[in-house]
N, C-alpha and C. Protein backbone atom coordinates (compact mmCIF):
# COMPACT_ATOMS: atom_id res chain seq x y z
N UNK A 1 -17.98 -0.77 4.37
CA UNK A 1 -16.72 -1.50 4.18
C UNK A 1 -15.85 -0.72 3.19
N UNK A 2 -14.63 -0.49 3.55
CA UNK A 2 -13.69 0.25 2.72
C UNK A 2 -13.33 -0.55 1.48
N UNK A 3 -13.20 0.12 0.31
CA UNK A 3 -12.81 -0.62 -0.88
C UNK A 3 -11.30 -0.87 -0.89
N UNK A 4 -10.85 -1.69 -1.82
CA UNK A 4 -9.46 -2.14 -1.82
C UNK A 4 -8.47 -1.00 -1.98
N UNK A 5 -8.73 -0.09 -2.92
CA UNK A 5 -7.80 1.01 -3.15
C UNK A 5 -7.70 1.90 -1.91
N UNK A 6 -8.82 2.15 -1.27
CA UNK A 6 -8.81 2.95 -0.05
C UNK A 6 -8.02 2.24 1.05
N UNK A 7 -8.21 0.93 1.16
CA UNK A 7 -7.50 0.16 2.20
C UNK A 7 -6.00 0.20 1.98
N UNK A 8 -5.56 0.10 0.73
CA UNK A 8 -4.13 0.16 0.43
C UNK A 8 -3.55 1.51 0.83
N UNK A 9 -4.26 2.57 0.50
CA UNK A 9 -3.76 3.91 0.82
C UNK A 9 -3.80 4.20 2.32
N UNK A 10 -4.79 3.64 3.01
CA UNK A 10 -4.98 3.96 4.43
C UNK A 10 -4.19 3.05 5.37
N UNK A 11 -3.78 1.87 4.89
CA UNK A 11 -3.08 0.93 5.77
C UNK A 11 -1.74 1.51 6.21
N UNK A 12 -1.51 1.48 7.51
CA UNK A 12 -0.24 1.90 8.09
C UNK A 12 0.13 0.91 9.19
N UNK A 13 1.39 0.89 9.53
CA UNK A 13 1.85 0.01 10.61
C UNK A 13 1.65 0.72 11.94
N UNK A 14 0.63 0.29 12.66
CA UNK A 14 0.25 0.93 13.92
C UNK A 14 0.96 0.25 15.08
N UNK A 15 1.43 1.05 16.03
CA UNK A 15 2.18 0.53 17.17
C UNK A 15 1.39 0.57 18.48
N UNK A 16 0.35 1.36 18.54
CA UNK A 16 -0.38 1.56 19.79
C UNK A 16 -1.85 1.16 19.62
N UNK A 17 -2.26 0.16 20.39
CA UNK A 17 -3.60 -0.41 20.25
C UNK A 17 -4.38 -0.31 21.56
N UNK A 18 -5.69 -0.34 21.43
CA UNK A 18 -6.59 -0.38 22.58
C UNK A 18 -6.54 -1.78 23.18
N UNK A 19 -5.90 -1.89 24.34
CA UNK A 19 -5.71 -3.20 24.97
C UNK A 19 -7.01 -3.80 25.47
N UNK A 20 -8.06 -2.99 25.58
CA UNK A 20 -9.34 -3.48 26.09
C UNK A 20 -10.29 -3.95 24.99
N UNK A 21 -9.95 -3.65 23.75
CA UNK A 21 -10.85 -4.02 22.66
C UNK A 21 -10.69 -5.49 22.30
N UNK A 22 -11.80 -6.17 22.14
CA UNK A 22 -11.78 -7.56 21.73
C UNK A 22 -12.52 -7.73 20.41
N UNK A 23 -11.91 -8.45 19.50
CA UNK A 23 -12.58 -8.80 18.26
C UNK A 23 -13.52 -9.97 18.53
N UNK A 24 -14.64 -10.00 17.83
CA UNK A 24 -15.56 -11.11 18.00
C UNK A 24 -15.01 -12.34 17.27
N UNK A 25 -15.51 -13.50 17.68
CA UNK A 25 -15.11 -14.72 17.00
C UNK A 25 -15.47 -14.66 15.52
N UNK A 26 -16.61 -14.03 15.23
CA UNK A 26 -17.04 -13.89 13.84
C UNK A 26 -16.08 -13.04 13.03
N UNK A 27 -15.60 -11.95 13.62
CA UNK A 27 -14.64 -11.10 12.92
C UNK A 27 -13.33 -11.82 12.67
N UNK A 28 -12.87 -12.56 13.67
CA UNK A 28 -11.61 -13.30 13.51
C UNK A 28 -11.75 -14.36 12.43
N UNK A 29 -12.88 -15.05 12.44
CA UNK A 29 -13.09 -16.09 11.42
C UNK A 29 -13.16 -15.48 10.03
N UNK A 30 -13.83 -14.33 9.92
CA UNK A 30 -13.92 -13.67 8.61
C UNK A 30 -12.54 -13.26 8.12
N UNK A 31 -11.74 -12.69 9.02
CA UNK A 31 -10.41 -12.23 8.65
C UNK A 31 -9.55 -13.40 8.18
N UNK A 32 -9.56 -14.50 8.92
CA UNK A 32 -8.75 -15.66 8.54
C UNK A 32 -9.29 -16.34 7.28
N UNK A 33 -10.61 -16.29 7.11
CA UNK A 33 -11.21 -16.87 5.90
C UNK A 33 -10.78 -16.11 4.65
N UNK A 34 -10.56 -14.80 4.81
CA UNK A 34 -10.05 -14.00 3.69
C UNK A 34 -8.56 -14.27 3.47
N UNK A 35 -7.82 -14.44 4.57
CA UNK A 35 -6.38 -14.68 4.45
C UNK A 35 -6.07 -15.95 3.68
N UNK A 36 -6.88 -16.99 3.88
CA UNK A 36 -6.59 -18.25 3.21
C UNK A 36 -7.02 -18.26 1.75
N UNK A 37 -7.53 -17.14 1.26
CA UNK A 37 -7.77 -16.99 -0.17
C UNK A 37 -6.51 -16.47 -0.88
N UNK A 38 -5.47 -16.18 -0.11
CA UNK A 38 -4.21 -15.72 -0.70
C UNK A 38 -3.63 -16.81 -1.61
N UNK A 39 -2.99 -16.41 -2.69
CA UNK A 39 -2.43 -17.41 -3.60
C UNK A 39 -1.17 -18.06 -3.05
N UNK A 40 -0.97 -19.32 -3.42
CA UNK A 40 0.29 -20.02 -3.14
C UNK A 40 0.68 -20.79 -4.39
N UNK A 41 1.97 -20.96 -4.60
CA UNK A 41 2.45 -21.73 -5.74
C UNK A 41 1.92 -23.16 -5.67
N UNK A 42 1.47 -23.66 -6.79
CA UNK A 42 0.93 -25.02 -6.89
C UNK A 42 -0.25 -25.24 -5.93
N UNK A 43 -0.81 -24.16 -5.41
CA UNK A 43 -1.93 -24.24 -4.47
C UNK A 43 -1.60 -25.08 -3.23
N UNK A 44 -0.33 -25.04 -2.77
CA UNK A 44 0.05 -25.90 -1.65
C UNK A 44 -0.38 -25.35 -0.29
N UNK A 45 -0.87 -24.11 -0.26
CA UNK A 45 -1.47 -23.55 0.96
C UNK A 45 -0.58 -23.81 2.17
N UNK A 46 0.67 -23.41 2.07
CA UNK A 46 1.66 -23.77 3.08
C UNK A 46 1.66 -22.87 4.31
N UNK A 47 0.86 -21.79 4.32
CA UNK A 47 0.83 -20.95 5.51
C UNK A 47 0.09 -21.63 6.66
N UNK A 48 0.51 -21.29 7.87
CA UNK A 48 -0.16 -21.75 9.09
C UNK A 48 -0.28 -20.54 10.01
N UNK A 49 -1.47 -20.28 10.50
CA UNK A 49 -1.76 -19.09 11.29
C UNK A 49 -1.92 -19.47 12.76
N UNK A 50 -0.91 -19.17 13.57
CA UNK A 50 -0.99 -19.47 15.00
C UNK A 50 -1.62 -18.24 15.68
N UNK A 51 -2.88 -18.38 16.07
CA UNK A 51 -3.61 -17.29 16.72
C UNK A 51 -3.43 -17.43 18.22
N UNK A 52 -2.67 -16.51 18.79
CA UNK A 52 -2.33 -16.61 20.21
C UNK A 52 -3.36 -15.82 21.02
N UNK A 53 -4.23 -16.54 21.74
CA UNK A 53 -5.29 -15.91 22.52
C UNK A 53 -4.96 -15.85 24.01
N UNK A 54 -4.19 -16.81 24.48
CA UNK A 54 -3.87 -16.87 25.90
C UNK A 54 -2.99 -15.68 26.30
N UNK A 55 -3.46 -14.90 27.27
CA UNK A 55 -2.75 -13.68 27.65
C UNK A 55 -1.39 -13.96 28.28
N UNK A 56 -1.28 -15.02 29.04
CA UNK A 56 0.00 -15.37 29.63
C UNK A 56 1.01 -15.72 28.54
N UNK A 57 0.53 -16.46 27.54
CA UNK A 57 1.41 -16.81 26.41
C UNK A 57 1.83 -15.56 25.64
N UNK A 58 0.90 -14.63 25.47
CA UNK A 58 1.23 -13.40 24.75
C UNK A 58 2.26 -12.58 25.53
N UNK A 59 2.17 -12.59 26.84
CA UNK A 59 3.14 -11.85 27.65
C UNK A 59 4.53 -12.47 27.51
N UNK A 60 4.59 -13.79 27.46
CA UNK A 60 5.88 -14.47 27.27
C UNK A 60 6.47 -14.12 25.90
N UNK A 61 5.60 -14.07 24.91
CA UNK A 61 6.07 -13.72 23.57
C UNK A 61 6.55 -12.27 23.55
N UNK A 62 5.84 -11.39 24.24
CA UNK A 62 6.25 -9.98 24.30
C UNK A 62 7.66 -9.86 24.89
N UNK A 63 7.95 -10.67 25.89
CA UNK A 63 9.26 -10.61 26.55
C UNK A 63 10.41 -10.97 25.62
N UNK A 64 10.13 -11.76 24.57
CA UNK A 64 11.19 -12.10 23.61
C UNK A 64 10.98 -11.35 22.29
N UNK A 65 10.17 -10.31 22.35
CA UNK A 65 9.90 -9.47 21.18
C UNK A 65 10.21 -8.01 21.50
N UNK A 66 11.35 -7.81 22.16
CA UNK A 66 11.83 -6.47 22.50
C UNK A 66 10.82 -5.69 23.33
N UNK A 67 9.96 -6.42 24.04
CA UNK A 67 8.94 -5.81 24.89
C UNK A 67 8.01 -4.87 24.12
N UNK A 68 7.74 -5.19 22.89
CA UNK A 68 6.87 -4.34 22.07
C UNK A 68 5.42 -4.50 22.52
N UNK A 69 4.81 -3.36 22.84
CA UNK A 69 3.48 -3.37 23.47
C UNK A 69 2.40 -3.98 22.59
N UNK A 70 2.54 -3.84 21.27
CA UNK A 70 1.46 -4.33 20.39
C UNK A 70 1.29 -5.84 20.47
N UNK A 71 2.31 -6.56 20.94
CA UNK A 71 2.19 -8.02 21.07
C UNK A 71 1.07 -8.38 22.04
N UNK A 72 0.95 -7.64 23.13
CA UNK A 72 -0.09 -7.93 24.12
C UNK A 72 -1.32 -7.02 23.98
N UNK A 73 -1.13 -5.82 23.44
CA UNK A 73 -2.22 -4.84 23.42
C UNK A 73 -3.14 -4.95 22.22
N UNK A 74 -2.64 -5.46 21.11
CA UNK A 74 -3.50 -5.64 19.94
C UNK A 74 -4.58 -6.68 20.24
N UNK A 75 -5.70 -6.56 19.56
CA UNK A 75 -6.79 -7.52 19.78
C UNK A 75 -6.42 -8.92 19.32
N UNK A 76 -5.55 -9.00 18.33
CA UNK A 76 -5.24 -10.29 17.72
C UNK A 76 -3.74 -10.37 17.44
N UNK A 77 -3.12 -11.46 17.90
CA UNK A 77 -1.73 -11.75 17.58
C UNK A 77 -1.69 -13.02 16.75
N UNK A 78 -1.18 -12.88 15.54
CA UNK A 78 -1.03 -14.03 14.65
C UNK A 78 0.45 -14.26 14.39
N UNK A 79 0.93 -15.45 14.74
CA UNK A 79 2.29 -15.84 14.37
C UNK A 79 2.16 -16.55 13.03
N UNK A 80 2.63 -15.90 11.99
CA UNK A 80 2.45 -16.42 10.64
C UNK A 80 3.62 -17.35 10.31
N UNK A 81 3.27 -18.62 10.16
CA UNK A 81 4.27 -19.68 9.94
C UNK A 81 3.99 -20.35 8.60
N UNK A 82 4.91 -21.23 8.22
CA UNK A 82 4.69 -22.04 7.02
C UNK A 82 5.19 -23.45 7.26
N UNK A 83 4.48 -24.39 6.66
CA UNK A 83 4.88 -25.79 6.67
C UNK A 83 5.79 -26.01 5.46
N UNK A 84 7.08 -26.19 5.71
CA UNK A 84 8.04 -26.34 4.63
C UNK A 84 7.79 -27.59 3.80
N UNK A 85 7.12 -28.57 4.38
CA UNK A 85 6.91 -29.85 3.70
C UNK A 85 5.46 -30.04 3.24
N UNK A 86 4.71 -28.97 3.19
CA UNK A 86 3.31 -29.11 2.77
C UNK A 86 3.20 -29.69 1.35
N UNK A 87 4.21 -29.46 0.54
CA UNK A 87 4.19 -29.93 -0.85
C UNK A 87 4.14 -31.45 -0.94
N UNK A 88 4.61 -32.15 0.12
CA UNK A 88 4.63 -33.62 0.04
C UNK A 88 3.63 -34.28 0.99
N UNK A 89 2.82 -33.49 1.66
CA UNK A 89 1.85 -34.03 2.61
C UNK A 89 0.48 -34.15 1.94
N UNK A 90 0.25 -35.30 1.34
CA UNK A 90 -1.00 -35.56 0.63
C UNK A 90 -1.33 -34.44 -0.36
N UNK A 91 -0.43 -34.16 -1.31
CA UNK A 91 -0.65 -33.06 -2.24
C UNK A 91 -1.89 -33.21 -3.11
N UNK A 92 -2.41 -34.42 -3.21
CA UNK A 92 -3.62 -34.62 -4.00
C UNK A 92 -4.80 -33.80 -3.50
N UNK A 93 -4.82 -33.48 -2.19
CA UNK A 93 -5.96 -32.74 -1.64
C UNK A 93 -5.99 -31.30 -2.14
N UNK A 94 -4.84 -30.77 -2.58
CA UNK A 94 -4.82 -29.40 -3.09
C UNK A 94 -5.47 -29.30 -4.47
N UNK A 95 -5.62 -30.47 -5.13
CA UNK A 95 -6.11 -30.49 -6.50
C UNK A 95 -7.27 -31.47 -6.67
N UNK A 96 -7.92 -31.80 -5.55
CA UNK A 96 -8.94 -32.85 -5.60
C UNK A 96 -10.13 -32.51 -6.49
N UNK A 97 -10.38 -31.23 -6.72
CA UNK A 97 -11.53 -30.85 -7.55
C UNK A 97 -11.15 -30.58 -9.01
N UNK A 98 -9.87 -30.75 -9.32
CA UNK A 98 -9.41 -30.53 -10.69
C UNK A 98 -9.66 -31.78 -11.55
N UNK A 99 -9.76 -31.60 -12.87
CA UNK A 99 -9.90 -32.77 -13.76
C UNK A 99 -8.74 -33.74 -13.59
N UNK A 100 -8.99 -35.01 -13.83
CA UNK A 100 -7.99 -36.05 -13.62
C UNK A 100 -6.70 -35.77 -14.39
N UNK A 101 -6.85 -35.28 -15.64
CA UNK A 101 -5.66 -35.04 -16.45
C UNK A 101 -4.79 -33.91 -15.87
N UNK A 102 -5.45 -32.96 -15.20
CA UNK A 102 -4.70 -31.88 -14.54
C UNK A 102 -3.94 -32.45 -13.34
N UNK A 103 -4.62 -33.28 -12.56
CA UNK A 103 -3.97 -33.88 -11.39
C UNK A 103 -2.77 -34.73 -11.81
N UNK A 104 -2.91 -35.47 -12.90
CA UNK A 104 -1.83 -36.34 -13.35
C UNK A 104 -0.61 -35.54 -13.80
N UNK A 105 -0.84 -34.31 -14.22
CA UNK A 105 0.27 -33.45 -14.62
C UNK A 105 0.87 -32.71 -13.44
N UNK A 106 0.01 -32.15 -12.60
CA UNK A 106 0.48 -31.21 -11.58
C UNK A 106 1.15 -31.90 -10.40
N UNK A 107 0.67 -33.05 -9.98
CA UNK A 107 1.23 -33.69 -8.79
C UNK A 107 2.70 -34.09 -8.98
N UNK A 108 3.08 -34.70 -10.10
CA UNK A 108 4.52 -34.97 -10.31
C UNK A 108 5.32 -33.66 -10.43
N UNK A 109 4.70 -32.62 -10.97
CA UNK A 109 5.40 -31.34 -11.11
C UNK A 109 5.71 -30.74 -9.74
N UNK A 110 4.78 -30.87 -8.80
CA UNK A 110 5.01 -30.38 -7.44
C UNK A 110 6.20 -31.10 -6.82
N UNK A 111 6.20 -32.39 -6.93
CA UNK A 111 7.28 -33.20 -6.35
C UNK A 111 8.62 -32.82 -6.96
N UNK A 112 8.66 -32.68 -8.26
CA UNK A 112 9.90 -32.35 -8.95
C UNK A 112 10.42 -30.97 -8.56
N UNK A 113 9.51 -30.04 -8.36
CA UNK A 113 9.89 -28.66 -8.07
C UNK A 113 10.51 -28.49 -6.69
N UNK A 114 10.01 -29.25 -5.70
CA UNK A 114 10.43 -29.04 -4.32
C UNK A 114 11.37 -30.09 -3.74
N UNK A 115 11.32 -31.32 -4.21
CA UNK A 115 12.06 -32.40 -3.55
C UNK A 115 13.56 -32.12 -3.56
N UNK A 116 14.16 -32.28 -2.36
CA UNK A 116 15.60 -32.12 -2.16
C UNK A 116 16.08 -30.69 -2.43
N UNK A 117 15.16 -29.73 -2.37
CA UNK A 117 15.52 -28.33 -2.63
C UNK A 117 15.10 -27.49 -1.43
N UNK A 118 15.93 -27.54 -0.38
CA UNK A 118 15.58 -26.90 0.88
C UNK A 118 15.41 -25.38 0.73
N UNK A 119 16.28 -24.74 -0.04
CA UNK A 119 16.19 -23.29 -0.20
C UNK A 119 14.93 -22.91 -0.96
N UNK A 120 14.58 -23.70 -1.95
CA UNK A 120 13.35 -23.43 -2.70
C UNK A 120 12.13 -23.54 -1.78
N UNK A 121 12.14 -24.54 -0.92
CA UNK A 121 11.03 -24.71 0.03
C UNK A 121 10.92 -23.51 0.97
N UNK A 122 12.07 -23.03 1.46
CA UNK A 122 12.05 -21.88 2.37
C UNK A 122 11.64 -20.60 1.64
N UNK A 123 12.18 -20.41 0.45
CA UNK A 123 11.80 -19.23 -0.33
C UNK A 123 10.29 -19.21 -0.57
N UNK A 124 9.75 -20.39 -0.88
CA UNK A 124 8.30 -20.48 -1.13
C UNK A 124 7.52 -20.13 0.12
N UNK A 125 8.01 -20.58 1.28
CA UNK A 125 7.34 -20.28 2.55
C UNK A 125 7.27 -18.78 2.78
N UNK A 126 8.38 -18.08 2.53
CA UNK A 126 8.42 -16.64 2.77
C UNK A 126 7.54 -15.89 1.78
N UNK A 127 7.54 -16.32 0.53
CA UNK A 127 6.65 -15.68 -0.45
C UNK A 127 5.19 -15.84 -0.03
N UNK A 128 4.82 -17.07 0.30
CA UNK A 128 3.43 -17.34 0.66
C UNK A 128 3.00 -16.54 1.88
N UNK A 129 3.85 -16.51 2.90
CA UNK A 129 3.50 -15.79 4.13
C UNK A 129 3.45 -14.29 3.89
N UNK A 130 4.33 -13.77 3.04
CA UNK A 130 4.30 -12.35 2.74
C UNK A 130 3.00 -11.94 2.07
N UNK A 131 2.56 -12.75 1.12
CA UNK A 131 1.29 -12.47 0.45
C UNK A 131 0.13 -12.56 1.43
N UNK A 132 0.14 -13.60 2.26
CA UNK A 132 -0.94 -13.78 3.24
C UNK A 132 -0.97 -12.63 4.25
N UNK A 133 0.21 -12.17 4.66
CA UNK A 133 0.28 -11.06 5.62
C UNK A 133 -0.35 -9.81 5.03
N UNK A 134 -0.06 -9.53 3.77
CA UNK A 134 -0.65 -8.34 3.15
C UNK A 134 -2.16 -8.50 3.01
N UNK A 135 -2.62 -9.69 2.69
CA UNK A 135 -4.07 -9.94 2.64
C UNK A 135 -4.70 -9.68 4.00
N UNK A 136 -4.08 -10.19 5.06
CA UNK A 136 -4.57 -9.97 6.42
C UNK A 136 -4.68 -8.48 6.74
N UNK A 137 -3.63 -7.74 6.41
CA UNK A 137 -3.60 -6.32 6.78
C UNK A 137 -4.60 -5.49 5.99
N UNK A 138 -4.74 -5.78 4.70
CA UNK A 138 -5.70 -5.04 3.90
C UNK A 138 -7.14 -5.41 4.29
N UNK A 139 -7.37 -6.69 4.55
CA UNK A 139 -8.70 -7.11 4.99
C UNK A 139 -9.04 -6.47 6.33
N UNK A 140 -8.07 -6.44 7.23
CA UNK A 140 -8.29 -5.81 8.54
C UNK A 140 -8.66 -4.35 8.38
N UNK A 141 -7.95 -3.65 7.51
CA UNK A 141 -8.23 -2.23 7.29
C UNK A 141 -9.63 -2.05 6.73
N UNK A 142 -10.00 -2.88 5.79
CA UNK A 142 -11.33 -2.80 5.20
C UNK A 142 -12.42 -3.07 6.24
N UNK A 143 -12.10 -3.87 7.27
CA UNK A 143 -13.05 -4.20 8.33
C UNK A 143 -13.06 -3.16 9.45
N UNK A 144 -12.23 -2.12 9.30
CA UNK A 144 -12.21 -1.06 10.31
C UNK A 144 -11.14 -1.24 11.38
N UNK A 145 -10.19 -2.13 11.13
CA UNK A 145 -9.12 -2.38 12.09
C UNK A 145 -7.77 -1.91 11.54
N UNK A 146 -6.82 -1.78 12.45
CA UNK A 146 -5.46 -1.46 12.05
C UNK A 146 -4.57 -2.66 12.33
N UNK A 147 -3.34 -2.59 11.84
CA UNK A 147 -2.47 -3.76 11.93
C UNK A 147 -1.02 -3.34 11.91
N UNK A 148 -0.15 -4.33 12.14
CA UNK A 148 1.29 -4.11 12.06
C UNK A 148 1.98 -5.44 11.76
N UNK A 149 2.81 -5.49 10.71
CA UNK A 149 3.64 -6.67 10.49
C UNK A 149 4.88 -6.54 11.36
N UNK A 150 5.34 -7.65 11.92
CA UNK A 150 6.45 -7.58 12.86
C UNK A 150 7.46 -8.71 12.64
N UNK A 151 8.74 -8.32 12.71
CA UNK A 151 9.78 -9.35 12.75
C UNK A 151 10.79 -9.04 13.84
N UNK A 152 10.48 -8.12 14.73
CA UNK A 152 11.36 -7.76 15.82
C UNK A 152 11.17 -8.68 17.02
N UNK A 153 11.64 -9.91 16.90
CA UNK A 153 11.50 -10.88 17.99
C UNK A 153 12.53 -11.98 17.81
N UNK A 154 12.74 -12.75 18.86
CA UNK A 154 13.65 -13.88 18.83
C UNK A 154 12.90 -15.08 18.22
N UNK A 155 13.22 -15.38 16.98
CA UNK A 155 12.49 -16.42 16.26
C UNK A 155 12.60 -17.77 16.95
N UNK A 156 13.78 -18.10 17.44
CA UNK A 156 13.98 -19.40 18.08
C UNK A 156 13.15 -19.51 19.36
N UNK A 157 13.15 -18.47 20.17
CA UNK A 157 12.41 -18.52 21.43
C UNK A 157 10.90 -18.53 21.19
N UNK A 158 10.44 -17.77 20.21
CA UNK A 158 9.01 -17.81 19.88
C UNK A 158 8.64 -19.20 19.38
N UNK A 159 9.52 -19.80 18.58
CA UNK A 159 9.28 -21.16 18.11
C UNK A 159 9.12 -22.14 19.26
N UNK A 160 9.94 -21.96 20.29
CA UNK A 160 9.81 -22.82 21.47
C UNK A 160 8.49 -22.59 22.18
N UNK A 161 8.09 -21.34 22.29
CA UNK A 161 6.85 -21.01 23.00
C UNK A 161 5.61 -21.56 22.31
N UNK A 162 5.63 -21.56 20.97
CA UNK A 162 4.45 -22.05 20.24
C UNK A 162 4.61 -23.51 19.84
N UNK A 163 5.71 -24.14 20.28
CA UNK A 163 5.99 -25.55 19.96
C UNK A 163 6.00 -25.78 18.45
N UNK A 164 6.75 -24.94 17.77
CA UNK A 164 6.84 -25.00 16.31
C UNK A 164 7.40 -26.35 15.87
N UNK A 165 6.70 -27.06 14.97
CA UNK A 165 7.23 -28.33 14.48
C UNK A 165 8.55 -28.13 13.72
N UNK A 166 9.37 -29.17 13.69
CA UNK A 166 10.69 -29.08 13.06
C UNK A 166 10.62 -28.73 11.58
N UNK A 167 9.55 -29.13 10.91
CA UNK A 167 9.45 -28.87 9.48
C UNK A 167 8.65 -27.61 9.16
N UNK A 168 8.51 -26.72 10.14
CA UNK A 168 7.85 -25.44 9.95
C UNK A 168 8.84 -24.31 10.19
N UNK A 169 8.49 -23.13 9.72
CA UNK A 169 9.31 -21.95 9.92
C UNK A 169 8.39 -20.77 10.24
N UNK A 170 8.87 -19.85 11.07
CA UNK A 170 8.14 -18.63 11.36
C UNK A 170 8.56 -17.56 10.36
N UNK A 171 7.61 -16.87 9.76
CA UNK A 171 7.91 -15.78 8.84
C UNK A 171 7.83 -14.43 9.53
N UNK A 172 6.76 -14.19 10.29
CA UNK A 172 6.54 -12.88 10.92
C UNK A 172 5.34 -12.96 11.84
N UNK A 173 5.10 -11.89 12.56
CA UNK A 173 3.84 -11.69 13.27
C UNK A 173 3.00 -10.72 12.45
N UNK A 174 1.68 -10.83 12.61
CA UNK A 174 0.77 -9.75 12.21
C UNK A 174 -0.15 -9.51 13.40
N UNK A 175 -0.18 -8.28 13.88
CA UNK A 175 -1.11 -7.93 14.96
C UNK A 175 -2.21 -7.06 14.39
N UNK A 176 -3.41 -7.21 14.95
CA UNK A 176 -4.59 -6.51 14.45
C UNK A 176 -5.37 -5.97 15.64
N UNK A 177 -5.87 -4.77 15.52
CA UNK A 177 -6.67 -4.21 16.60
C UNK A 177 -7.14 -2.81 16.31
N UNK A 178 -7.61 -2.13 17.35
CA UNK A 178 -8.09 -0.75 17.25
C UNK A 178 -6.97 0.20 17.67
N UNK A 179 -6.58 1.07 16.76
CA UNK A 179 -5.51 2.01 17.06
C UNK A 179 -5.97 3.05 18.08
N UNK A 180 -5.08 3.39 18.98
CA UNK A 180 -5.34 4.50 19.91
C UNK A 180 -4.42 5.68 19.61
N UNK A 181 -3.52 5.46 18.68
CA UNK A 181 -2.61 6.53 18.25
C UNK A 181 -2.29 6.30 16.78
N UNK A 182 -2.42 7.33 15.99
CA UNK A 182 -2.15 7.19 14.56
C UNK A 182 -0.68 6.91 14.31
N UNK A 183 -0.42 6.27 13.19
CA UNK A 183 0.97 6.05 12.79
C UNK A 183 1.62 7.39 12.49
N UNK A 184 2.92 7.42 12.65
CA UNK A 184 3.68 8.62 12.28
C UNK A 184 3.51 8.89 10.79
N UNK A 185 3.66 10.16 10.36
CA UNK A 185 3.62 10.43 8.92
C UNK A 185 4.66 9.59 8.19
N UNK A 186 4.38 9.28 6.95
CA UNK A 186 5.31 8.46 6.17
C UNK A 186 6.69 9.13 6.18
N UNK A 187 7.70 8.37 6.55
CA UNK A 187 9.02 8.95 6.81
C UNK A 187 9.77 9.35 5.55
N UNK A 188 9.49 8.70 4.45
CA UNK A 188 10.20 9.01 3.22
C UNK A 188 9.88 8.02 2.13
N UNK A 189 8.98 8.39 1.25
CA UNK A 189 8.56 7.50 0.17
C UNK A 189 9.43 7.74 -1.05
N UNK A 190 10.06 6.71 -1.57
CA UNK A 190 10.88 6.85 -2.77
C UNK A 190 10.01 7.14 -3.98
N UNK A 191 10.54 7.90 -4.93
CA UNK A 191 9.83 8.18 -6.17
C UNK A 191 9.75 6.92 -7.01
N UNK A 192 8.70 6.83 -7.81
CA UNK A 192 8.54 5.67 -8.69
C UNK A 192 9.75 5.50 -9.61
N UNK A 193 10.32 6.62 -10.05
CA UNK A 193 11.46 6.55 -10.96
C UNK A 193 12.64 5.77 -10.37
N UNK A 194 12.72 5.74 -9.04
CA UNK A 194 13.83 5.05 -8.41
C UNK A 194 13.58 3.56 -8.24
N UNK A 195 12.34 3.15 -8.19
CA UNK A 195 12.03 1.75 -7.87
C UNK A 195 11.39 0.99 -9.02
N UNK A 196 10.97 1.67 -10.07
CA UNK A 196 10.36 1.02 -11.22
C UNK A 196 11.37 1.02 -12.37
N UNK A 197 11.72 -0.16 -12.82
CA UNK A 197 12.70 -0.31 -13.90
C UNK A 197 11.97 -0.80 -15.13
N UNK A 198 12.17 -0.13 -16.24
CA UNK A 198 11.49 -0.53 -17.46
C UNK A 198 12.37 -1.48 -18.26
N UNK A 199 11.87 -2.67 -18.44
CA UNK A 199 12.50 -3.71 -19.25
C UNK A 199 13.75 -4.34 -18.65
N UNK A 200 14.73 -3.55 -18.25
CA UNK A 200 15.95 -4.11 -17.71
C UNK A 200 16.74 -3.03 -16.97
N UNK A 201 17.63 -3.49 -16.06
CA UNK A 201 18.50 -2.55 -15.38
C UNK A 201 19.52 -1.98 -16.38
N UNK A 202 19.88 -0.74 -16.15
CA UNK A 202 20.90 -0.10 -17.00
C UNK A 202 22.28 -0.36 -16.39
N UNK A 203 23.21 -0.76 -17.20
CA UNK A 203 24.58 -1.05 -16.75
C UNK A 203 25.40 0.25 -16.65
């Protein structure tokens, strides 16, 4: 099993997968079990992983995803969604093992932070899904698989295909499988000096 630093360095966005390779149920369960260890604010666990196994459904999704081959050819297609209202759906279950005094503090704090704040709820969904997507991709690499994060698709039409609930949002796809062609060399990595700011931006 590849270690974390190796997985970070080796992970690339792969576009060409072995369409005949199938992941075992055990591998899929392990991958998703690792993904749900990703952190979320207030432990609201707002991500939802739609694992599309039906080939006809995947073909329909491919048709509204710019006909990108990895949608059907990858071993695993995950539509990474979030429940925008997870913060108010029995929030006590997110903290059921915490001491009573912690629960008495945190549950009102959750309500106060999200209630009537639609943009905050959406921002939280995107943060959570982004973290979960990276966990999925690094875990996949460590397990010997390749992956690709995707947002090149018609969000509304995919939502219709997966019957997305009104209080959910789609963040991205993550596809996982066996690469049959290596990713292109890195096209242009910015120097740290350009992206790392010490203390504050200079005016």
